[in-house]
C-alpha atoms as a PDB file:
ATOM      1  CA  MET A   1       0.432  -0.183   0.195  1.00  0.00           C
ATOM      2  CA  PRO A   2       1.858   4.208  -0.788  1.00  0.00           C
ATOM      3  CA  ALA A   3       2.836   5.360   2.046  1.00  0.00           C
ATOM      4  CA  ASP A   4       0.262   8.158   1.948  1.00  0.00           C
ATOM      5  CA  LYS A   5      -2.741   5.903   1.550  1.00  0.00           C
ATOM      6  CA  CYS A   6      -2.043   4.219   4.495  1.00  0.00           C
ATOM      7  CA  LYS A   7      -1.285   7.555   6.659  1.00  0.00           C
ATOM      8  CA  LEU A   8      -4.187   8.749   5.757  1.00  0.00           C
ATOM      9  CA  MET A   9      -6.126   5.460   6.802  1.00  0.00           C
ATOM     10  CA  ASN A  10      -4.540   6.459   9.511  1.00  0.00           C
ATOM     11  CA  THR A  11      -5.459   9.888   9.879  1.00  0.00           C
ATOM     12  CA  ASN A  12      -9.100   8.467   9.504  1.00  0.00           C
ATOM     13  CA  ASN A  13      -8.886   6.073  11.990  1.00  0.00           C
ATOM     14  CA  ILE A  14      -8.006   8.279  14.746  1.00  0.00           C
ATOM     15  CA  THR A  15     -10.206  11.513  13.482  1.00  0.00           C
ATOM     16  CA  ASN A  16     -13.064   8.903  13.428  1.00  0.00           C
ATOM     17  CA  GLU A  17     -11.957   7.628  17.646  1.00  0.00           C
ATOM     18  CA  LYS A  18     -12.270  11.240  17.987  1.00  0.00           C
ATOM     19  CA  LYS A  19     -15.491  11.874  17.043  1.00  0.00           C
ATOM     20  CA  ILE A  20     -16.898   8.490  19.544  1.00  0.00           C
ATOM     21  CA  ARG A  21     -14.930   9.969  22.304  1.00  0.00           C
ATOM     22  CA  LYS A  22     -16.565  13.448  22.193  1.00  0.00           C
ATOM     23  CA  ARG A  23     -20.361  12.190  21.110  1.00  0.00           C
ATOM     24  CA  ARG A  24     -22.691  14.484  23.101  1.00  0.00           C
ATOM     25  CA  LEU A  25     -25.142  12.480  25.827  1.00  0.00           C
ATOM     26  CA  PRO A  26     -28.432  12.633  24.554  1.00  0.00           C
ATOM     27  CA  GLU A  27     -31.939  13.785  26.389  1.00  0.00           C
ATOM     28  CA  TRP A  28     -32.433  10.359  27.764  1.00  0.00           C
ATOM     29  CA  LEU A  29     -29.071  10.180  28.701  1.00  0.00           C
ATOM     30  CA  ARG A  30     -29.170  13.047  31.677  1.00  0.00           C
ATOM     31  CA  ARG A  31     -29.650  12.793  35.534  1.00  0.00           C
ATOM     32  CA  PRO A  32     -30.095  15.646  37.678  1.00  0.00           C
ATOM     33  CA  LEU A  33     -27.812  16.434  40.562  1.00  0.00           C
ATOM     34  CA  PRO A  34     -28.002  14.249  43.387  1.00  0.00           C
ATOM     35  CA  ALA A  35     -29.561  16.866  46.989  1.00  0.00           C
ATOM     36  CA  GLY A  36     -32.109  15.417  50.323  1.00  0.00           C
ATOM     37  CA  ALA A  37     -31.895  14.565  53.204  1.00  0.00           C
ATOM     38  CA  SER A  38     -32.329  11.052  52.751  1.00  0.00           C
ATOM     39  CA  TYR A  39     -28.977  10.891  50.494  1.00  0.00           C
ATOM     40  CA  ASN A  40     -26.626  13.731  53.347  1.00  0.00           C
ATOM     41  CA  HIS A  41     -27.479  10.795  55.642  1.00  0.00           C
ATOM     42  CA  VAL A  42     -26.326   7.822  53.357  1.00  0.00           C
ATOM     43  CA  GLN A  43     -22.962  10.138  52.135  1.00  0.00           C
ATOM     44  CA  LYS A  44     -22.116  10.949  56.322  1.00  0.00           C
ATOM     45  CA  LEU A  45     -23.249   7.485  57.593  1.00  0.00           C
ATOM     46  CA  LEU A  46     -20.572   5.988  54.504  1.00  0.00           C
ATOM     47  CA  LYS A  47     -17.593   7.955  55.921  1.00  0.00           C
ATOM     48  CA  GLU A  48     -18.267   7.230  59.274  1.00  0.00           C
ATOM     49  CA  LEU A  49     -18.239   3.732  58.628  1.00  0.00           C
ATOM     50  CA  ARG A  50     -15.008   3.955  56.540  1.00  0.00           C
ATOM     51  CA  LEU A  51     -16.900   1.917  53.212  1.00  0.00           C
ATOM     52  CA  ASN A  52     -16.579   2.468  49.916  1.00  0.00           C
ATOM     53  CA  THR A  53     -19.598   1.611  47.503  1.00  0.00           C
ATOM     54  CA  VAL A  54     -19.439   0.744  43.628  1.00  0.00           C
ATOM     55  CA  CYS A  55     -21.605   3.986  43.233  1.00  0.00           C
ATOM     56  CA  ARG A  56     -18.944   6.036  44.158  1.00  0.00           C
ATOM     57  CA  SER A  57     -16.397   3.790  42.881  1.00  0.00           C
ATOM     58  CA  ALA A  58     -17.391   3.203  39.101  1.00  0.00           C
ATOM     59  CA  MET A  59     -18.794   5.960  38.604  1.00  0.00           C
ATOM     60  CA  CYS A  60     -22.847   5.464  38.239  1.00  0.00           C
ATOM     61  CA  PRO A  61     -25.120   7.453  36.967  1.00  0.00           C
ATOM     62  CA  ASN A  62     -28.032   6.096  39.786  1.00  0.00           C
ATOM     63  CA  LEU A  63     -25.541   7.215  42.323  1.00  0.00           C
ATOM     64  CA  GLY A  64     -27.786  10.900  43.147  1.00  0.00           C
ATOM     65  CA  GLN A  65     -31.916   8.204  42.471  1.00  0.00           C
ATOM     66  CA  CYS A  66     -29.874   5.925  44.522  1.00  0.00           C
ATOM     67  CA  TRP A  67     -28.780   7.466  47.300  1.00  0.00           C
ATOM     68  CA  SER A  68     -31.764  10.487  47.789  1.00  0.00           C
ATOM     69  CA  LYS A  69     -33.464   6.827  48.298  1.00  0.00           C
ATOM     70  CA  GLY A  70     -31.394   5.747  50.653  1.00  0.00           C
ATOM     71  CA  THR A  71     -30.148   2.547  49.246  1.00  0.00           C
ATOM     72  CA  ALA A  72     -26.462   1.934  48.026  1.00  0.00           C
ATOM     73  CA  THR A  73     -24.080  -0.864  46.753  1.00  0.00           C
ATOM     74  CA  PHE A  74     -21.317  -1.879  49.042  1.00  0.00           C
ATOM     75  CA  MET A  75     -18.016  -2.383  47.508  1.00  0.00           C
ATOM     76  CA  ILE A  76     -16.164  -3.801  50.127  1.00  0.00           C
ATOM     77  CA  LEU A  77     -12.084  -5.515  50.052  1.00  0.00           C
ATOM     78  CA  GLY A  78     -10.415  -1.914  49.277  1.00  0.00           C
ATOM     79  CA  LYS A  79     -10.783   0.473  46.286  1.00  0.00           C
ATOM     80  CA  TYR A  80      -8.036  -1.253  43.855  1.00  0.00           C
ATOM     81  CA  CYS A  81      -8.932  -4.217  41.437  1.00  0.00           C
ATOM     82  CA  THR A  82      -5.847  -6.429  40.405  1.00  0.00           C
ATOM     83  CA  ARG A  83      -7.478  -6.398  37.591  1.00  0.00           C
ATOM     84  CA  ASN A  84      -7.755  -3.813  33.968  1.00  0.00           C
ATOM     85  CA  CYS A  85     -11.466  -4.261  32.738  1.00  0.00           C
ATOM     86  CA  LYS A  86     -11.507  -1.393  29.656  1.00  0.00           C
ATOM     87  CA  PHE A  87     -14.834  -0.314  30.538  1.00  0.00           C
ATOM     88  CA  CYS A  88     -14.219   0.137  34.636  1.00  0.00           C
ATOM     89  CA  ALA A  89     -13.906   3.338  36.309  1.00  0.00           C
ATOM     90  CA  VAL A  90     -12.548   1.805  39.887  1.00  0.00           C
ATOM     91  CA  ASP A  91      -8.913   2.516  40.545  1.00  0.00           C
ATOM     92  CA  LYS A  92      -6.373   0.280  39.825  1.00  0.00           C
ATOM     93  CA  GLY A  93      -2.575  -0.660  41.668  1.00  0.00           C
ATOM     94  CA  LEU A  94      -1.278  -2.198  44.609  1.00  0.00           C
ATOM     95  CA  PRO A  95      -4.518  -3.778  46.749  1.00  0.00           C
ATOM     96  CA  GLU A  96      -4.624  -3.513  50.838  1.00  0.00           C
ATOM     97  CA  ILE A  97      -4.770  -5.216  53.034  1.00  0.00           C
ATOM     98  CA  PRO A  98      -8.717  -6.624  53.812  1.00  0.00           C
ATOM     99  CA  GLU A  99     -10.197  -5.560  57.162  1.00  0.00           C
ATOM    100  CA  PRO A 100     -11.581  -7.517  59.329  1.00  0.00           C
ATOM    101  CA  ASP A 101     -13.821  -5.710  61.024  1.00  0.00           C
ATOM    102  CA  GLU A 102     -15.381  -4.697  57.389  1.00  0.00           C
ATOM    103  CA  PRO A 103     -18.039  -7.175  57.265  1.00  0.00           C
ATOM    104  CA  GLN A 104     -19.329  -5.705  61.089  1.00  0.00           C
ATOM    105  CA  ARG A 105     -19.308  -2.250  58.673  1.00  0.00           C
ATOM    106  CA  VAL A 106     -21.547  -3.091  56.497  1.00  0.00           C
ATOM    107  CA  ALA A 107     -24.036  -5.027  57.929  1.00  0.00           C
ATOM    108  CA  ILE A 108     -24.557  -1.941  60.740  1.00  0.00           C
ATOM    109  CA  ALA A 109     -24.438   0.615  57.944  1.00  0.00           C
ATOM    110  CA  ALA A 110     -27.159  -2.101  56.131  1.00  0.00           C
ATOM    111  CA  ARG A 111     -28.555  -1.523  59.552  1.00  0.00           C
ATOM    112  CA  GLU A 112     -28.616   1.727  59.953  1.00  0.00           C
ATOM    113  CA  MET A 113     -30.285   2.188  56.356  1.00  0.00           C
ATOM    114  CA  ASN A 114     -32.780  -0.287  56.905  1.00  0.00           C
ATOM    115  CA  LEU A 115     -31.928  -1.905  53.712  1.00  0.00           C
ATOM    116  CA  LYS A 116     -34.673  -4.779  53.198  1.00  0.00           C
ATOM    117  CA  HIS A 117     -32.595  -6.067  49.532  1.00  0.00           C
ATOM    118  CA  ILE A 118     -28.855  -5.151  51.187  1.00  0.00           C
ATOM    119  CA  VAL A 119     -26.209  -5.281  47.241  1.00  0.00           C
ATOM    120  CA  ILE A 120     -22.400  -6.917  48.436  1.00  0.00           C
ATOM    121  CA  THR A 121     -19.540  -6.039  45.472  1.00  0.00           C
ATOM    122  CA  SER A 122     -16.410  -5.451  45.438  1.00  0.00           C
ATOM    123  CA  VAL A 123     -13.069  -5.337  43.454  1.00  0.00           C
ATOM    124  CA  THR A 124     -11.388  -8.416  41.467  1.00  0.00           C
ATOM    125  CA  ARG A 125      -8.902  -9.310  44.430  1.00  0.00           C
ATOM    126  CA  ASP A 126      -6.673 -12.240  42.052  1.00  0.00           C
ATOM    127  CA  ASP A 127      -3.857 -11.595  44.284  1.00  0.00           C
ATOM    128  CA  LEU A 128      -5.900 -13.610  47.154  1.00  0.00           C
ATOM    129  CA  PRO A 129      -5.103 -16.707  48.642  1.00  0.00           C
ATOM    130  CA  ASP A 130      -9.050 -17.287  48.059  1.00  0.00           C
ATOM    131  CA  GLU A 131      -9.691 -14.621  45.994  1.00  0.00           C
ATOM    132  CA  GLY A 132     -11.749 -12.689  48.410  1.00  0.00           C
ATOM    133  CA  ALA A 133     -14.792 -15.690  49.005  1.00  0.00           C
ATOM    134  CA  GLY A 134     -14.119 -15.804  52.540  1.00  0.00           C
ATOM    135  CA  HIS A 135     -14.275 -11.871  52.775  1.00  0.00           C
ATOM    136  CA  PHE A 136     -17.748 -12.122  50.658  1.00  0.00           C
ATOM    137  CA  ALA A 137     -19.205 -15.133  53.433  1.00  0.00           C
ATOM    138  CA  SER A 138     -17.984 -13.233  56.149  1.00  0.00           C
ATOM    139  CA  THR A 139     -19.966  -9.887  54.808  1.00  0.00           C
ATOM    140  CA  ILE A 140     -23.348 -12.238  54.164  1.00  0.00           C
ATOM    141  CA  SER A 141     -23.180 -13.754  58.147  1.00  0.00           C
ATOM    142  CA  ALA A 142     -22.674 -10.684  59.057  1.00  0.00           C
ATOM    143  CA  ILE A 143     -26.135  -9.143  57.719  1.00  0.00           C
ATOM    144  CA  ARG A 144     -28.072 -11.568  59.129  1.00  0.00           C
ATOM    145  CA  GLU A 145     -27.035 -10.488  62.619  1.00  0.00           C
ATOM    146  CA  GLN A 146     -27.892  -7.775  62.043  1.00  0.00           C
ATOM    147  CA  SER A 147     -30.742  -7.711  59.212  1.00  0.00           C
ATOM    148  CA  PRO A 148     -32.690 -11.160  59.680  1.00  0.00           C
ATOM    149  CA  ASN A 149     -34.922 -10.865  57.243  1.00  0.00           C
ATOM    150  CA  ALA A 150     -33.144  -8.537  54.408  1.00  0.00           C
ATOM    151  CA  SER A 151     -32.767 -10.370  51.703  1.00  0.00           C
ATOM    152  CA  ILE A 152     -28.283 -10.215  50.564  1.00  0.00           C
ATOM    153  CA  GLU A 153     -26.984 -10.247  46.953  1.00  0.00           C
ATOM    154  CA  VAL A 154     -23.564 -10.482  46.171  1.00  0.00           C
ATOM    155  CA  LEU A 155     -22.040  -9.368  42.829  1.00  0.00           C
ATOM    156  CA  THR A 156     -19.230 -11.624  42.764  1.00  0.00           C
ATOM    157  CA  PRO A 157     -15.688 -11.524  40.308  1.00  0.00           C
ATOM    158  CA  ASP A 158     -15.506 -14.952  38.455  1.00  0.00           C
ATOM    159  CA  PHE A 159     -12.530 -16.385  40.994  1.00  0.00           C
ATOM    160  CA  HIS A 160     -11.382 -18.212  38.892  1.00  0.00           C
ATOM    161  CA  ASN A 161     -14.060 -20.661  39.107  1.00  0.00           C
ATOM    162  CA  ARG A 162     -12.813 -22.008  41.461  1.00  0.00           C
ATOM    163  CA  THR A 163     -15.355 -24.381  43.146  1.00  0.00           C
ATOM    164  CA  GLU A 164     -13.625 -23.943  46.102  1.00  0.00           C
ATOM    165  CA  CYS A 165     -14.243 -20.576  46.203  1.00  0.00           C
ATOM    166  CA  LEU A 166     -17.921 -20.220  45.005  1.00  0.00           C
ATOM    167  CA  ASN A 167     -18.756 -23.100  47.394  1.00  0.00           C
ATOM    168  CA  THR A 168     -17.616 -20.495  50.290  1.00  0.00           C
ATOM    169  CA  VAL A 169     -19.875 -17.662  49.329  1.00  0.00           C
ATOM    170  CA  CYS A 170     -22.743 -20.044  48.594  1.00  0.00           C
ATOM    171  CA  GLN A 171     -22.685 -21.929  51.513  1.00  0.00           C
ATOM    172  CA  ALA A 172     -23.393 -18.832  53.057  1.00  0.00           C
ATOM    173  CA  SER A 173     -26.799 -18.313  51.569  1.00  0.00           C
ATOM    174  CA  PRO A 174     -27.142 -15.765  49.892  1.00  0.00           C
ATOM    175  CA  THR A 175     -30.405 -14.331  47.975  1.00  0.00           C
ATOM    176  CA  ILE A 176     -29.027 -13.978  44.927  1.00  0.00           C
ATOM    177  CA  PHE A 177     -25.627 -14.561  43.391  1.00  0.00           C
ATOM    178  CA  ASN A 178     -24.546 -12.185  40.301  1.00  0.00           C
ATOM    179  CA  HIS A 179     -21.691 -12.410  38.316  1.00  0.00           C
ATOM    180  CA  ASN A 180     -21.802 -10.335  35.180  1.00  0.00           C
ATOM    181  CA  LEU A 181     -21.316 -11.108  31.235  1.00  0.00           C
ATOM    182  CA  GLU A 182     -20.682  -7.803  30.899  1.00  0.00           C
ATOM    183  CA  THR A 183     -20.196  -8.062  26.861  1.00  0.00           C
ATOM    184  CA  VAL A 184     -21.158  -9.689  24.105  1.00  0.00           C
ATOM    185  CA  LYS A 185     -17.993 -12.863  23.231  1.00  0.00           C
ATOM    186  CA  GLU A 186     -16.515 -11.080  20.546  1.00  0.00           C
ATOM    187  CA  LEU A 187     -15.238  -7.546  22.242  1.00  0.00           C
ATOM    188  CA  SER A 188     -14.818  -9.863  25.907  1.00  0.00           C
ATOM    189  CA  PRO A 189     -10.783 -10.681  25.100  1.00  0.00           C
ATOM    190  CA  LYS A 190     -10.438  -6.772  24.482  1.00  0.00           C
ATOM    191  CA  ILE A 191     -12.922  -5.182  26.928  1.00  0.00           C
ATOM    192  CA  ARG A 192     -11.833  -7.281  30.403  1.00  0.00           C
ATOM    193  CA  PRO A 193      -8.609  -9.068  28.309  1.00  0.00           C
ATOM    194  CA  LYS A 194      -8.668 -10.684  32.744  1.00  0.00           C
ATOM    195  CA  ALA A 195     -11.665 -12.378  32.634  1.00  0.00           C
ATOM    196  CA  ASP A 196     -12.785 -14.638  29.997  1.00  0.00           C
ATOM    197  CA  TYR A 197     -16.418 -15.122  28.001  1.00  0.00           C
ATOM    198  CA  GLN A 198     -16.574 -18.957  28.867  1.00  0.00           C
ATOM    199  CA  ARG A 199     -15.741 -19.187  32.048  1.00  0.00           C
ATOM    200  CA  SER A 200     -18.329 -16.470  33.101  1.00  0.00           C
ATOM    201  CA  LEU A 201     -20.886 -18.981  32.146  1.00  0.00           C
ATOM    202  CA  ASP A 202     -19.187 -21.468  33.811  1.00  0.00           C
ATOM    203  CA  VAL A 203     -19.572 -19.829  37.148  1.00  0.00           C
ATOM    204  CA  LEU A 204     -23.213 -19.454  36.527  1.00  0.00           C
ATOM    205  CA  LYS A 205     -24.046 -22.398  35.397  1.00  0.00           C
ATOM    206  CA  TYR A 206     -22.004 -24.630  38.483  1.00  0.00           C
ATOM    207  CA  VAL A 207     -24.415 -21.776  40.880  1.00  0.00           C
ATOM    208  CA  ARG A 208     -27.728 -22.506  39.203  1.00  0.00           C
ATOM    209  CA  LEU A 209     -26.402 -26.874  39.103  1.00  0.00           C
ATOM    210  CA  ASN A 210     -25.127 -26.890  42.323  1.00  0.00           C
ATOM    211  CA  PHE A 211     -26.793 -24.110  44.718  1.00  0.00           C
ATOM    212  CA  SER A 212     -30.734 -24.079  43.326  1.00  0.00           C
ATOM    213  CA  ASP A 213     -32.396 -22.144  46.586  1.00  0.00           C
ATOM    214  CA  ILE A 214     -30.322 -19.083  45.286  1.00  0.00           C
ATOM    215  CA  TYR A 215     -31.178 -16.574  42.155  1.00  0.00           C
ATOM    216  CA  VAL A 216     -28.532 -16.273  39.963  1.00  0.00           C
ATOM    217  CA  LYS A 217     -28.244 -13.064  38.181  1.00  0.00           C
ATOM    218  CA  SER A 218     -25.755 -11.722  35.113  1.00  0.00           C
ATOM    219  CA  GLY A 219     -25.570  -8.175  33.508  1.00  0.00           C
ATOM    220  CA  LEU A 220     -24.579  -6.477  29.868  1.00  0.00           C
ATOM    221  CA  MET A 221     -24.009  -3.387  28.342  1.00  0.00           C
ATOM    222  CA  VAL A 222     -24.779  -1.905  24.876  1.00  0.00           C
ATOM    223  CA  GLY A 223     -23.076  -0.142  23.401  1.00  0.00           C
ATOM    224  CA  LEU A 224     -19.542  -1.228  22.864  1.00  0.00           C
ATOM    225  CA  GLY A 225     -20.104  -2.004  19.330  1.00  0.00           C
ATOM    226  CA  GLU A 226     -21.903  -4.979  19.845  1.00  0.00           C
ATOM    227  CA  THR A 227     -24.188  -6.241  16.923  1.00  0.00           C
ATOM    228  CA  ASP A 228     -28.634  -6.440  17.496  1.00  0.00           C
ATOM    229  CA  GLU A 229     -27.892 -10.275  16.960  1.00  0.00           C
ATOM    230  CA  GLN A 230     -25.064 -10.551  19.158  1.00  0.00           C
ATOM    231  CA  ILE A 231     -26.494  -9.507  22.522  1.00  0.00           C
ATOM    232  CA  ARG A 232     -29.254 -11.957  21.632  1.00  0.00           C
ATOM    233  CA  THR A 233     -26.579 -14.339  21.854  1.00  0.00           C
ATOM    234  CA  ALA A 234     -25.077 -13.471  24.802  1.00  0.00           C
ATOM    235  CA  LEU A 235     -28.707 -13.510  26.073  1.00  0.00           C
ATOM    236  CA  ARG A 236     -29.237 -16.876  24.992  1.00  0.00           C
ATOM    237  CA  ASP A 237     -25.578 -17.979  26.545  1.00  0.00           C
ATOM    238  CA  LEU A 238     -27.162 -16.512  29.517  1.00  0.00           C
ATOM    239  CA  SER A 239     -30.243 -18.309  29.331  1.00  0.00           C
ATOM    240  CA  ASP A 240     -28.623 -21.568  28.575  1.00  0.00           C
ATOM    241  CA  ALA A 241     -26.218 -21.045  32.018  1.00  0.00           C
ATOM    242  CA  GLY A 242     -28.511 -21.185  33.801  1.00  0.00           C
ATOM    243  CA  CYS A 243     -29.102 -17.817  34.236  1.00  0.00           C
ATOM    244  CA  GLN A 244     -32.456 -16.611  36.120  1.00  0.00           C
ATOM    245  CA  ILE A 245     -31.834 -12.581  35.859  1.00  0.00           C
ATOM    246  CA  VAL A 246     -30.240 -10.017  33.181  1.00  0.00           C
ATOM    247  CA  THR A 247     -29.937  -6.677  33.245  1.00  0.00           C
ATOM    248  CA  ILE A 248     -28.956  -4.906  29.817  1.00  0.00           C
ATOM    249  CA  GLY A 249     -27.943  -1.615  30.214  1.00  0.00           C
ATOM    250  CA  GLN A 250     -26.169   1.528  28.465  1.00  0.00           C
ATOM    251  CA  TYR A 251     -22.562   1.993  28.570  1.00  0.00           C
ATOM    252  CA  LEU A 252     -21.115   5.161  29.853  1.00  0.00           C
ATOM    253  CA  ALA A 253     -17.051   6.199  29.822  1.00  0.00           C
ATOM    254  CA  PRO A 254     -16.194   6.963  32.709  1.00  0.00           C
ATOM    255  CA  SER A 255     -13.148   9.157  30.771  1.00  0.00           C
ATOM    256  CA  ALA A 256     -10.801   9.567  27.853  1.00  0.00           C
ATOM    257  CA  ARG A 257      -8.499   6.854  28.486  1.00  0.00           C
ATOM    258  CA  HIS A 258     -11.780   4.512  29.324  1.00  0.00           C
ATOM    259  CA  TYR A 259     -12.916   2.720  25.989  1.00  0.00           C
ATOM    260  CA  PRO A 260     -15.068   4.528  24.053  1.00  0.00           C
ATOM    261  CA  VAL A 261     -19.115   4.540  23.481  1.00  0.00           C
ATOM    262  CA  HIS A 262     -19.839   3.261  19.602  1.00  0.00           C
ATOM    263  CA  ARG A 263     -23.398   3.904  20.186  1.00  0.00           C
ATOM    264  CA  PHE A 264     -26.686   5.058  22.613  1.00  0.00           C
ATOM    265  CA  LEU A 265     -29.203   2.519  22.177  1.00  0.00           C
ATOM    266  CA  HIS A 266     -33.184   4.614  22.573  1.00  0.00           C
ATOM    267  CA  PRO A 267     -35.121   3.807  25.556  1.00  0.00           C
ATOM    268  CA  LYS A 268     -37.248   1.904  22.370  1.00  0.00           C
ATOM    269  CA  GLN A 269     -34.463   0.161  21.758  1.00  0.00           C
ATOM    270  CA  PHE A 270     -34.111  -1.501  24.933  1.00  0.00           C
ATOM    271  CA  ASP A 271     -37.718  -2.144  25.428  1.00  0.00           C
ATOM    272  CA  GLU A 272     -37.165  -4.591  21.922  1.00  0.00           C
ATOM    273  CA  LEU A 273     -34.793  -5.893  23.456  1.00  0.00           C
ATOM    274  CA  GLU A 274     -36.201  -6.850  26.958  1.00  0.00           C
ATOM    275  CA  HIS A 275     -39.706  -8.075  24.854  1.00  0.00           C
ATOM    276  CA  TRP A 276     -36.947 -10.237  23.140  1.00  0.00           C
ATOM    277  CA  ALA A 277     -35.439 -11.897  26.309  1.00  0.00           C
ATOM    278  CA  LYS A 278     -38.185 -12.418  27.862  1.00  0.00           C
ATOM    279  CA  GLU A 279     -40.258 -14.958  24.516  1.00  0.00           C
ATOM    280  CA  ASN A 280     -37.489 -15.963  23.706  1.00  0.00           C
ATOM    281  CA  CYS A 281     -34.692 -16.584  27.489  1.00  0.00           C
ATOM    282  CA  LYS A 282     -35.594 -18.501  30.350  1.00  0.00           C
ATOM    283  CA  PHE A 283     -35.616 -15.541  32.684  1.00  0.00           C
ATOM    284  CA  LEU A 284     -37.423 -15.008  35.429  1.00  0.00           C
ATOM    285  CA  ALA A 285     -36.928 -11.241  34.895  1.00  0.00           C
ATOM    286  CA  CYS A 286     -35.269  -9.115  32.621  1.00  0.00           C
ATOM    287  CA  PHE A 287     -34.597  -5.902  33.435  1.00  0.00           C
ATOM    288  CA  ALA A 288     -33.695  -4.021  30.539  1.00  0.00           C
ATOM    289  CA  GLU A 289     -33.177   0.879  30.099  1.00  0.00           C
ATOM    290  CA  PRO A 290     -30.379   3.076  29.366  1.00  0.00           C
ATOM    291  CA  PHE A 291     -29.947   3.306  33.632  1.00  0.00           C
ATOM    292  CA  VAL A 292     -30.166  -0.118  34.321  1.00  0.00           C
ATOM    293  CA  ARG A 293     -27.248  -1.559  36.322  1.00  0.00           C
ATOM    294  CA  SER A 294     -26.293  -4.793  38.014  1.00  0.00           C
ATOM    295  CA  SER A 295     -27.982  -3.481  41.387  1.00  0.00           C
ATOM    296  CA  TYR A 296     -30.107  -1.357  39.686  1.00  0.00           C
ATOM    297  CA  MET A 297     -33.809  -1.426  41.772  1.00  0.00           C
ATOM    298  CA  ALA A 298     -32.346  -4.789  42.325  1.00  0.00           C
ATOM    299  CA  ASP A 299     -35.495  -5.116  45.046  1.00  0.00           C
ATOM    300  CA  ASP A 300     -37.937  -4.199  43.042  1.00  0.00           C
ATOM    301  CA  ILE A 301     -36.793  -7.347  40.541  1.00  0.00           C
ATOM    302  CA  LEU A 302     -36.487  -9.463  43.654  1.00  0.00           C
ATOM    303  CA  ASN A 303     -39.894  -8.565  44.707  1.00  0.00           C
ATOM    304  CA  LYS A 304     -41.391  -8.890  41.253  1.00  0.00           C
ATOM    305  CA  ILE A 305     -40.439 -12.241  41.090  1.00  0.00           C
ATOM    306  CA  LEU A 306     -41.662 -13.244  44.263  1.00  0.00           C
ATOM    307  CA  GLN A 307     -45.099 -11.939  44.353  1.00  0.00           C
ATOM    308  CA  GLU A 308     -45.008 -13.995  40.571  1.00  0.00           C
ATOM    309  CA  LYS A 309     -43.890 -17.221  42.908  1.00  0.00           C
ATOM    310  CA  ASP A 310     -46.285 -16.499  44.808  1.00  0.00           C
ATOM    311  CA  ASN A 311     -49.259 -16.445  42.752  1.00  0.00           C
ATOM    312  CA  LEU A 312     -48.439 -19.588  40.806  1.00  0.00           C
ATOM    313  CA  LYS A 313     -49.260 -20.729  44.324  1.00  0.00           C
END
């Protein structure tokens, strides 16, 4: 190829990349600023108890809405992640030693916030012998003591699909076990270089087959450059793995350094995806909207499933 033509192609690629990164948010992807007594209470409590939340660490666009409602998603095992996923805003670096009293502090916060459904996630801790599974179990147990009637949802790393780690978490009896597939198979190596698409499916399948009393949940981001058919394939794969609850939301790049947004799906497109999933997959629930994230309105999703279960009795 002539050098001048090659140079022109490179220039065009750079120009297209800049256009992608400068893409403006459409009207349906704008949130009001956080405010209110509940928001201030949550902020103060988390600070006093020295707790991290994925709401803040991952720059979740729903932070204001959730904290204003008095809810938050706790992020345990420190604030530094050992992986480097291209979509995630959580800090990367040398992790801290897990704090033995963190489970108790999470339990106190959940009780003080009067949470009926408590969501716990973590940074990925590939550096720990059990990858943090024991800390998850301790946190579940501490919450059970402080809030015995609350439902508990865990959003975990893949633990490299080590069955001993998955057993540790699931034997503590969370109500929901969530592990996100995040993206379609074709994009997974680029977006999640230290994770693996099939391994994530295997994690979900293992929990479903071995802990039938725990609901299995996963989530997808869209707008990373995937096709609609690739999304449908991922949903089929999740269904075949035994996933019962799936969330689908719009990917929003946390910064110019992160993987760029390739398209913004219109709310009607999310409605179509949700309808397709309900018609073609075996999910108990599918929640697809632009602002949907793994823990967004998680209590409402569970309550709807339990209500439908009661209606069948």
